[in-house]
Protein backbone atom coordinates (compact mmCIF):
# COMPACT_ATOMS: atom_id res chain seq x y z
CA MET A 1 0.00 0.00 0.00
CA VAL A 2 1.38 3.43 -1.00
CA VAL A 3 0.79 6.09 1.67
CA THR A 4 1.77 9.74 1.32
CA ASP A 5 0.84 12.96 3.14
CA LEU A 6 -1.47 15.23 1.24
CA HIS A 7 -2.44 18.73 2.46
CA ASP A 8 -5.72 20.29 1.48
CA SER A 9 -6.75 23.92 1.43
CA GLN A 10 -7.78 23.79 5.10
CA GLY A 11 -4.43 22.58 6.27
CA CYS A 12 -5.65 19.04 6.98
CA SER A 13 -3.60 15.98 6.13
CA GLY A 14 -4.59 12.39 5.52
CA PRO A 15 -3.25 9.17 4.01
CA ILE A 16 -4.04 8.33 0.43
CA ARG A 17 -3.54 5.04 -1.35
CA SER A 18 -2.53 4.16 -4.85
CA PRO A 19 -4.91 5.32 -7.62
CA HIS A 20 -6.02 1.75 -8.29
CA ARG A 21 -7.12 1.19 -4.70
CA VAL A 22 -8.82 4.57 -4.48
CA ALA A 23 -10.85 3.79 -7.58
CA ARG A 24 -11.83 0.40 -6.22
CA ASN A 25 -12.97 1.90 -2.93
CA GLN A 26 -14.90 4.61 -4.77
CA LYS A 27 -16.81 1.96 -6.65
CA SER A 28 -17.75 0.19 -3.45
CA SER A 29 -18.83 3.41 -1.76
CA ASP A 30 -21.02 4.37 -4.72
CA GLY A 31 -22.73 0.99 -4.59
CA THR A 32 -21.70 -0.18 -8.07
CA THR A 33 -19.47 -2.85 -6.56
CA PRO A 34 -20.93 -3.52 -3.09
CA ASN A 35 -18.85 -5.20 -0.41
CA ALA A 36 -19.93 -8.33 1.45
CA MET A 37 -21.60 -6.43 4.29
CA ASP A 38 -23.45 -4.18 1.87
CA LYS A 39 -24.78 -7.18 -0.06
CA TYR A 40 -25.80 -8.92 3.16
CA LEU A 41 -27.76 -5.96 4.50
CA THR A 42 -29.36 -5.35 1.10
CA GLU A 43 -30.53 -8.97 1.09
CA TRP A 44 -32.11 -8.32 4.49
CA LEU A 45 -33.94 -5.29 3.14
CA VAL A 46 -35.30 -7.34 0.24
CA HIS A 47 -36.25 -10.19 2.57
CA MET A 48 -38.15 -7.80 4.86
CA GLY A 49 -40.17 -6.53 1.89
CA ASP A 50 -38.48 -3.25 0.96
CA ARG A 51 -39.69 -2.76 -2.61
CA LEU A 52 -37.11 -0.07 -3.32
CA GLU A 53 -34.29 -2.62 -3.08
CA GLY A 54 -35.60 -5.28 -5.44
CA THR A 55 -38.11 -8.05 -5.95
CA GLN A 56 -38.49 -10.86 -3.44
CA ARG A 57 -38.02 -14.48 -4.30
CA PRO A 58 -41.06 -16.78 -4.12
CA THR A 59 -39.78 -18.33 -0.89
CA ALA A 60 -39.40 -14.91 0.71
CA LYS A 61 -42.93 -13.97 -0.38
CA ILE A 62 -44.33 -17.10 1.26
CA LEU A 63 -42.46 -16.35 4.49
CA GLN A 64 -43.71 -12.77 4.44
CA LEU A 65 -47.26 -14.04 3.99
CA LEU A 66 -46.88 -16.32 7.01
CA ARG A 67 -45.38 -13.72 9.33
CA GLU A 68 -46.98 -10.39 8.32
CA SER A 69 -50.36 -11.00 6.66
CA TRP A 70 -53.62 -10.71 8.57
CA ILE A 71 -54.20 -14.38 7.81
CA GLY A 72 -51.04 -15.31 9.71
CA GLY A 73 -52.03 -13.14 12.66
CA LEU A 74 -55.52 -14.64 12.74
CA LEU A 75 -54.13 -18.18 12.64
CA SER A 76 -51.70 -17.44 15.48
CA LEU A 77 -54.49 -15.95 17.60
CA SER A 78 -56.75 -18.92 16.84
CA LEU A 79 -54.06 -21.38 17.89
CA LEU A 80 -53.64 -19.47 21.16
CA MET A 81 -57.38 -19.65 21.83
CA VAL A 82 -57.48 -23.38 21.08
CA SER A 83 -54.50 -24.01 23.38
CA VAL A 84 -56.12 -22.02 26.20
CA ALA A 85 -59.40 -23.89 25.73
CA GLU A 86 -57.66 -27.25 25.94
CA THR A 87 -55.71 -26.12 29.01
CA LEU A 88 -58.80 -24.92 30.92
CA SER A 89 -60.93 -27.93 30.02
CA PRO A 90 -61.46 -30.08 33.18
CA SER A 91 -61.75 -33.31 31.18
CA GLU A 92 -58.33 -33.12 29.62
CA GLN A 93 -55.64 -35.70 30.25
CA PRO A 94 -52.42 -34.53 31.97
CA PHE A 95 -50.38 -34.96 28.80
CA ILE A 96 -52.82 -32.86 26.76
CA ARG A 97 -52.79 -30.10 29.37
CA ARG A 98 -49.00 -29.99 29.45
CA LEU A 99 -48.89 -29.89 25.67
CA SER A 100 -51.47 -27.11 25.48
CA VAL A 101 -49.70 -25.00 28.10
CA ARG A 102 -46.39 -25.40 26.28
CA ASN A 103 -48.07 -24.27 23.06
CA ALA A 104 -49.91 -21.31 24.63
CA PHE A 105 -46.83 -19.40 25.81
CA PRO A 106 -45.01 -19.41 22.43
CA CYS A 107 -48.28 -18.33 20.80
CA CYS A 108 -48.29 -15.23 23.03
CA SER A 109 -44.73 -14.49 21.97
CA SER A 110 -45.60 -15.02 18.31
CA ILE A 111 -48.44 -12.50 18.55
CA SER A 112 -46.01 -9.92 19.95
CA ALA A 113 -43.60 -10.78 17.11
CA PHE A 114 -46.42 -10.34 14.60
CA ILE A 115 -47.16 -6.87 15.99
CA ILE A 116 -43.46 -5.96 15.81
CA LEU A 117 -43.17 -7.08 12.20
CA THR A 118 -46.33 -5.30 11.07
CA LYS A 119 -46.49 -2.11 13.16
CA ARG A 120 -42.75 -1.42 13.43
CA LYS A 121 -41.53 -2.64 10.08
CA ASP A 122 -40.37 0.85 9.09
CA THR A 123 -38.22 0.96 12.22
CA ILE A 124 -36.55 -2.32 11.29
CA LEU A 125 -35.90 -1.15 7.74
CA ALA A 126 -34.49 2.16 9.01
CA ALA A 127 -32.04 0.33 11.28
CA VAL A 128 -30.83 -1.86 8.43
CA ARG A 129 -30.46 1.14 6.12
CA HIS A 130 -28.35 3.05 8.66
CA ALA A 131 -26.06 0.05 9.06
CA ARG A 132 -25.80 -0.43 5.29
CA ASP A 133 -24.90 3.22 4.73
CA ALA A 134 -22.05 2.87 7.19
CA ALA A 135 -20.95 -0.41 5.60
CA ARG A 136 -20.65 1.21 2.18
CA VAL A 137 -18.32 3.92 3.49
CA LEU A 138 -16.28 1.54 5.65
CA CYS A 139 -15.42 -0.68 2.68
CA THR A 140 -11.61 -0.52 2.70
CA PRO A 141 -9.14 -3.11 1.44
CA GLY A 142 -7.02 -5.39 3.55
CA GLU A 143 -7.97 -6.16 7.12
CA THR A 144 -11.25 -4.25 7.17
CA GLN A 145 -12.73 -6.04 4.18
CA THR A 146 -11.58 -9.40 5.53
CA ALA A 147 -13.24 -8.77 8.88
CA LEU A 148 -16.49 -7.71 7.21
CA THR A 149 -16.53 -10.79 5.00
CA ALA A 150 -15.83 -13.12 7.94
CA ASN A 151 -18.67 -11.59 9.93
CA VAL A 152 -21.08 -11.96 7.00
CA ARG A 153 -20.16 -15.62 6.52
CA TRP A 154 -20.69 -16.38 10.20
CA SER A 155 -24.01 -14.51 10.28
CA ARG A 156 -25.27 -16.35 7.21
CA PHE A 157 -24.31 -19.70 8.67
CA LEU A 158 -25.92 -18.92 12.01
CA LEU A 159 -29.10 -17.21 10.83
CA TRP A 160 -29.72 -18.94 7.52
CA ARG A 161 -28.45 -22.45 8.24
CA LEU A 162 -28.09 -23.48 11.89
CA PHE A 163 -31.07 -21.77 13.55
CA PRO A 164 -33.51 -22.58 10.72
CA LEU A 165 -32.56 -26.25 10.92
CA TYR A 166 -33.27 -26.24 14.65
CA GLY A 167 -36.57 -24.43 14.02
CA VAL A 168 -37.63 -27.06 11.48
CA ALA A 169 -36.75 -29.84 13.95
CA VAL A 170 -38.84 -28.20 16.68
CA TYR A 171 -41.69 -27.68 14.24
CA VAL A 172 -41.74 -31.35 13.30
CA MET A 173 -41.60 -32.51 16.94
CA VAL A 174 -44.39 -30.20 18.03
CA GLN A 175 -46.54 -31.07 15.04
CA VAL A 176 -46.18 -34.80 15.69
CA ALA A 177 -47.18 -34.29 19.32
CA MET A 178 -50.22 -32.23 18.30
CA PHE A 179 -51.23 -34.77 15.66
CA TYR A 180 -51.55 -37.65 18.12
CA ASP A 181 -53.36 -35.78 20.89
CA THR A 182 -56.88 -36.71 22.01
CA SER A 183 -57.98 -33.34 23.32
CA SER A 184 -61.54 -32.25 24.07
CA VAL A 185 -61.46 -29.88 21.10
CA ASN A 186 -60.78 -32.79 18.76
CA ALA A 187 -63.50 -34.85 20.44
CA TRP A 188 -65.99 -31.97 20.08
CA LEU A 189 -65.18 -31.60 16.39
CA ARG A 190 -65.67 -35.30 15.75
CA LYS A 191 -68.92 -35.41 17.74
CA TYR A 192 -70.74 -32.30 16.55
CA SER A 193 -69.47 -31.89 13.00
CA GLU A 194 -72.07 -32.88 10.44
CA VAL A 195 -69.38 -33.95 8.02
CA GLU A 196 -66.66 -36.19 9.39
CA ALA A 197 -64.03 -34.49 7.24
CA PHE A 198 -64.75 -31.22 9.04
CA GLY A 199 -63.27 -32.68 12.21
CA LEU A 200 -60.08 -33.44 10.33
CA LEU A 201 -59.62 -29.79 9.35
CA LYS A 202 -57.92 -29.14 12.66
CA THR A 203 -54.76 -30.86 11.42
CA PRO A 204 -54.11 -28.50 8.47
CA PHE A 205 -55.14 -25.63 10.72
CA GLU A 206 -52.48 -26.61 13.26
CA VAL A 207 -49.90 -27.06 10.51
CA ALA A 208 -50.53 -23.58 9.07
CA SER A 209 -50.93 -21.76 12.40
CA LEU A 210 -47.81 -23.30 13.90
CA ALA A 211 -45.85 -22.32 10.78
CA CYS A 212 -47.06 -18.71 11.13
CA CYS A 213 -46.11 -18.62 14.81
CA MET A 214 -42.61 -19.97 14.35
CA THR A 215 -41.91 -17.83 11.27
CA SER A 216 -42.77 -14.67 13.20
CA LEU A 217 -40.71 -15.70 16.23
CA TYR A 218 -37.56 -16.53 14.30
CA THR A 219 -37.80 -13.56 11.93
CA VAL A 220 -37.75 -11.09 14.83
CA LEU A 221 -34.80 -12.92 16.39
CA PHE A 222 -32.85 -13.00 13.11
CA ALA A 223 -33.49 -9.32 12.41
CA GLU A 224 -32.28 -8.29 15.86
CA LEU A 225 -29.15 -10.42 15.66
CA ALA A 226 -28.35 -9.21 12.14
CA ILE A 227 -28.68 -5.54 13.09
CA HIS A 228 -26.72 -5.69 16.34
CA ASN A 229 -23.96 -8.00 15.12
CA THR A 230 -23.33 -6.02 11.94
CA THR A 231 -23.44 -2.74 13.89
CA ALA A 232 -20.88 -4.05 16.37
CA THR A 233 -18.61 -5.21 13.55
CA LEU A 234 -18.87 -1.87 11.79
CA MET A 235 -18.06 -0.03 15.02
CA GLU A 236 -14.91 -2.12 15.34
CA GLN A 237 -13.93 -1.15 11.79
CA LEU A 238 -14.71 2.47 12.58
CA GLY A 239 -12.33 2.27 15.53
CA ARG A 240 -9.55 1.10 13.22
CA ARG A 241 -10.29 4.03 10.92
CA LEU A 242 -10.08 6.50 13.81
CA ALA A 243 -6.78 5.01 14.99
CA TYR A 244 -5.20 5.05 11.52
CA TYR A 245 -6.62 7.88 9.42
CA ARG A 246 -5.84 11.53 10.10
CA GLY A 247 -7.18 14.82 8.83
CA CYS A 248 -10.33 16.82 9.43
CA GLU A 249 -12.11 15.32 6.43
CA ASN A 250 -11.56 11.71 7.48
CA THR A 251 -12.29 12.43 11.15
CA SER A 252 -15.51 14.30 10.33
CA ARG A 253 -16.56 11.38 8.13
CA SER A 254 -15.89 9.00 11.02
CA VAL A 255 -18.12 11.12 13.26
CA ARG A 256 -20.94 10.90 10.71
CA LEU A 257 -20.49 7.14 10.51
CA HIS A 258 -20.63 6.88 14.29
CA VAL A 259 -23.89 8.84 14.34
CA SER A 260 -25.34 6.53 11.69
CA LEU A 261 -24.39 3.41 13.67
CA LEU A 262 -25.85 4.86 16.86
CA ALA A 263 -29.07 5.54 14.95
CA ALA A 264 -29.14 1.89 13.85
CA CYS A 265 -28.85 0.80 17.49
CA ARG A 266 -31.63 3.16 18.58
CA HIS A 267 -33.95 1.86 15.88
CA ALA A 268 -33.14 -1.73 16.88
CA ASN A 269 -34.12 -0.94 20.47
CA ALA A 270 -37.26 0.89 19.35
CA MET A 271 -38.18 -2.15 17.26
CA PHE A 272 -39.09 -4.05 20.43
CA GLY A 273 -40.20 -1.35 22.85
CA LEU A 274 -42.59 -2.70 25.46
CA PHE A 275 -43.15 -5.91 23.46
CA LEU A 276 -39.79 -7.46 24.39
CA PRO A 277 -40.98 -8.79 27.83
CA LEU A 278 -43.90 -10.52 26.13
CA TYR A 279 -41.61 -11.80 23.38
CA LEU A 280 -39.18 -13.32 25.88
CA LEU A 281 -41.92 -14.63 28.17
CA GLY A 282 -42.85 -17.48 25.85
CA HIS A 283 -39.26 -18.63 25.48
CA PHE A 284 -38.57 -18.55 29.22
CA ALA A 285 -41.83 -20.29 30.08
CA LEU A 286 -41.42 -22.94 27.37
CA SER A 287 -37.86 -23.67 28.49
CA MET A 288 -38.94 -23.95 32.14
CA LEU A 289 -41.93 -26.19 31.37
CA SER A 290 -39.84 -28.39 29.11
CA THR A 291 -37.30 -28.69 31.91
CA VAL A 292 -40.03 -29.90 34.27
CA VAL A 293 -41.23 -32.49 31.76
CA ALA A 294 -37.68 -33.63 31.00
CA VAL A 295 -36.85 -34.13 34.68
CA ARG A 296 -40.06 -36.07 35.28
CA SER A 297 -39.55 -38.13 32.14
CA SER A 298 -36.06 -39.11 33.26
CA ALA A 299 -37.49 -40.32 36.55
CA SER A 300 -40.34 -42.30 34.95
CA GLY A 301 -38.31 -43.62 32.03
CA GLU A 302 -40.53 -42.01 29.38
CA VAL A 303 -39.16 -39.83 26.61
CA ASP A 304 -40.97 -36.65 25.56
CA LEU A 305 -39.45 -35.51 22.26
CA HIS A 306 -41.44 -32.30 22.33
CA ALA A 307 -39.92 -31.31 25.67
CA LEU A 308 -36.41 -32.30 24.62
CA SER A 309 -36.63 -30.26 21.42
CA CYS A 310 -37.93 -27.15 23.23
CA LEU A 311 -35.59 -27.43 26.21
CA PRO A 312 -32.76 -25.31 24.70
CA TYR A 313 -35.07 -22.40 23.79
CA LEU A 314 -33.26 -20.28 26.36
CA LEU A 315 -29.99 -20.92 24.51
CA VAL A 316 -31.49 -20.18 21.10
CA PHE A 317 -33.31 -16.92 21.83
CA PHE A 318 -32.22 -15.27 25.08
CA VAL A 319 -28.49 -16.04 25.04
CA PRO A 320 -27.75 -14.85 21.45
CA MET A 321 -29.66 -11.62 22.11
CA CYS A 322 -27.57 -10.99 25.24
CA ILE A 323 -24.32 -11.77 23.39
CA ALA A 324 -25.28 -9.38 20.58
CA GLY A 325 -26.09 -6.65 23.10
CA GLN A 326 -22.73 -7.17 24.82
CA ARG A 327 -20.92 -6.96 21.48
CA VAL A 328 -22.57 -3.62 20.72
CA HIS A 329 -21.61 -2.29 24.17
CA ASP A 330 -17.97 -3.40 23.88
CA ALA A 331 -17.57 -2.09 20.34
CA SER A 332 -19.14 1.27 21.20
CA TYR A 333 -17.12 1.69 24.38
CA GLY A 334 -13.91 0.68 22.58
CA LEU A 335 -14.24 3.58 20.14
CA LYS A 336 -13.08 5.92 22.89
CA ASP A 337 -9.68 4.26 23.16
CA LYS A 338 -9.35 3.99 19.38
CA ALA A 339 -10.08 7.68 18.94
CA TYR A 340 -7.59 8.57 21.66
CA ALA A 341 -4.93 6.40 20.00
CA GLY A 342 -5.21 8.37 16.75
CA PRO A 343 -2.66 10.84 15.36
CA TRP A 344 -3.56 13.86 17.50
CA LEU A 345 -0.34 15.77 16.88
CA GLU A 346 -0.71 15.59 13.10
CA GLU A 347 -4.23 17.06 13.01
CA ASN A 348 -5.62 20.56 13.27
CA VAL A 349 -8.09 21.93 15.81
CA GLN A 350 -11.18 20.93 13.83
CA ALA A 351 -10.09 17.29 13.55
CA ARG A 352 -9.21 17.16 17.25
CA ARG A 353 -12.62 18.55 18.12
CA SER A 354 -14.24 15.77 16.09
CA ARG A 355 -12.24 13.17 17.97
CA LEU A 356 -13.31 14.69 21.27
CA LEU A 357 -16.94 14.46 20.16
CA VAL A 358 -16.54 10.73 19.50
CA MET A 359 -14.84 10.18 22.85
CA ALA A 360 -17.52 12.14 24.70
CA SER A 361 -20.35 10.21 23.05
CA CYS A 362 -18.66 6.88 23.88
CA SER A 363 -18.75 7.71 27.61
CA ARG A 364 -22.35 6.47 27.36
CA PRO A 365 -21.95 3.55 24.94
CA ALA A 366 -24.71 2.04 22.88
CA ASN A 367 -26.63 -0.79 24.56
CA PHE A 368 -29.47 -3.17 23.85
CA THR A 369 -31.74 -1.52 26.41
CA VAL A 370 -35.52 -1.95 26.39
CA PRO A 371 -38.08 -0.71 28.98
CA GLY A 372 -39.36 -3.46 31.22
CA VAL A 373 -36.34 -5.72 30.72
CA GLY A 374 -33.31 -3.48 31.15
CA THR A 375 -30.06 -4.06 29.33
CA LEU A 376 -29.52 -7.37 27.57
CA ASP A 377 -25.84 -8.19 28.04
CA LEU A 378 -23.68 -10.90 29.59
CA PRO A 379 -24.50 -9.98 33.24
CA THR A 380 -28.21 -10.27 32.41
CA CYS A 381 -27.51 -13.58 30.67
CA ARG A 382 -25.76 -14.90 33.77
CA LYS A 383 -28.72 -13.88 35.93
CA GLY A 384 -31.09 -15.72 33.64
CA PHE A 385 -28.96 -18.86 33.70
CA ARG A 386 -28.65 -18.66 37.48
CA LEU A 387 -32.42 -18.63 37.82
CA TRP A 388 -32.74 -21.53 35.39
CA PHE A 389 -30.18 -23.68 37.24
CA GLN A 390 -31.79 -22.90 40.58
CA PHE A 391 -35.12 -23.99 39.14
CA VAL A 392 -33.61 -27.23 37.87
CA GLN A 393 -31.97 -27.88 41.25
CA VAL A 394 -35.30 -27.45 43.01
CA LEU A 395 -36.93 -29.93 40.65
CA ILE A 396 -34.19 -32.46 41.21
CA ASN A 397 -34.51 -32.12 45.00
CA LEU A 398 -38.28 -32.68 44.78
CA GLN A 399 -37.84 -36.00 42.97
């Protein structure tokens, strides 16, 4: 890399690279040759239904129909009502009641996810756009581009491969358990339906409604993880820029990028609002109830596949959200040291003032903070695990 000192009319200096590399970076910044992070965030915009970014694939249209249409919301609400009816019915068997209770809590979370995806969709899209704008400017060769590409590969594997496979496995286990139940709702349908086939309509209803519930739940989780993880990665790249580049133009640009990334974090927090406690309630309750069933099944020798598949819900939803929130906090707080480590003595007063603005704003770093829950970070994750282990210990002592 060729680096020389270049003075502008304002007396500011900054490193420049060879003409070939400058041209390549200019292409990436203009969007004609997007970098890996830019492509990834643009794919998210298309997947979430932003018509300005392109046309969705048929699979994405089907997923959007399941998670955002009024049909999907009506099916999720109907499944919740059926689960509550089976739970409150005095003639139900213990297995049916346990199954209905375990289905009712995730249905409540799915309804909150449906409201988030429909009423606050513009907030989600705004957060992704802010992160993408910063990614386009932060496209630099060498280490920065490698770090961005590595983060995109890991995010795609986690959000588009690993978690969907687990979701499909849970869907199959739950659907099998619901197919073989002998609940009072099924008995009522078989008894009072004039046509016998009408009683069998509950099976396709459960298939469709459960698909809508799980699609909404996982889409909200994936959107939050994508926004916070990419924002944290971009903040780390911004710290490298502040520590390396000098000059009022580059420093002022870094300040604008920092403001854009902070805006992405604020929109990600506003995406949940007061719905986050309800969203997390279903996952906590399902994990706790599955723990109870798993402990009792181990004592009786029976195996409940539904409980075993839903047992790690705490690890799938709550823990990744806390890790993403901690990453955002660490990356935002680390900008202060990176800005301080920059070339102060080689800059003018305007550039130094811009660095001081970044350092002052990082004294209160960005967090994943939502009213009613607090800050989701590693200390909160440890508290949640402590409560879960104490609950398991109590169950074991009661056996």
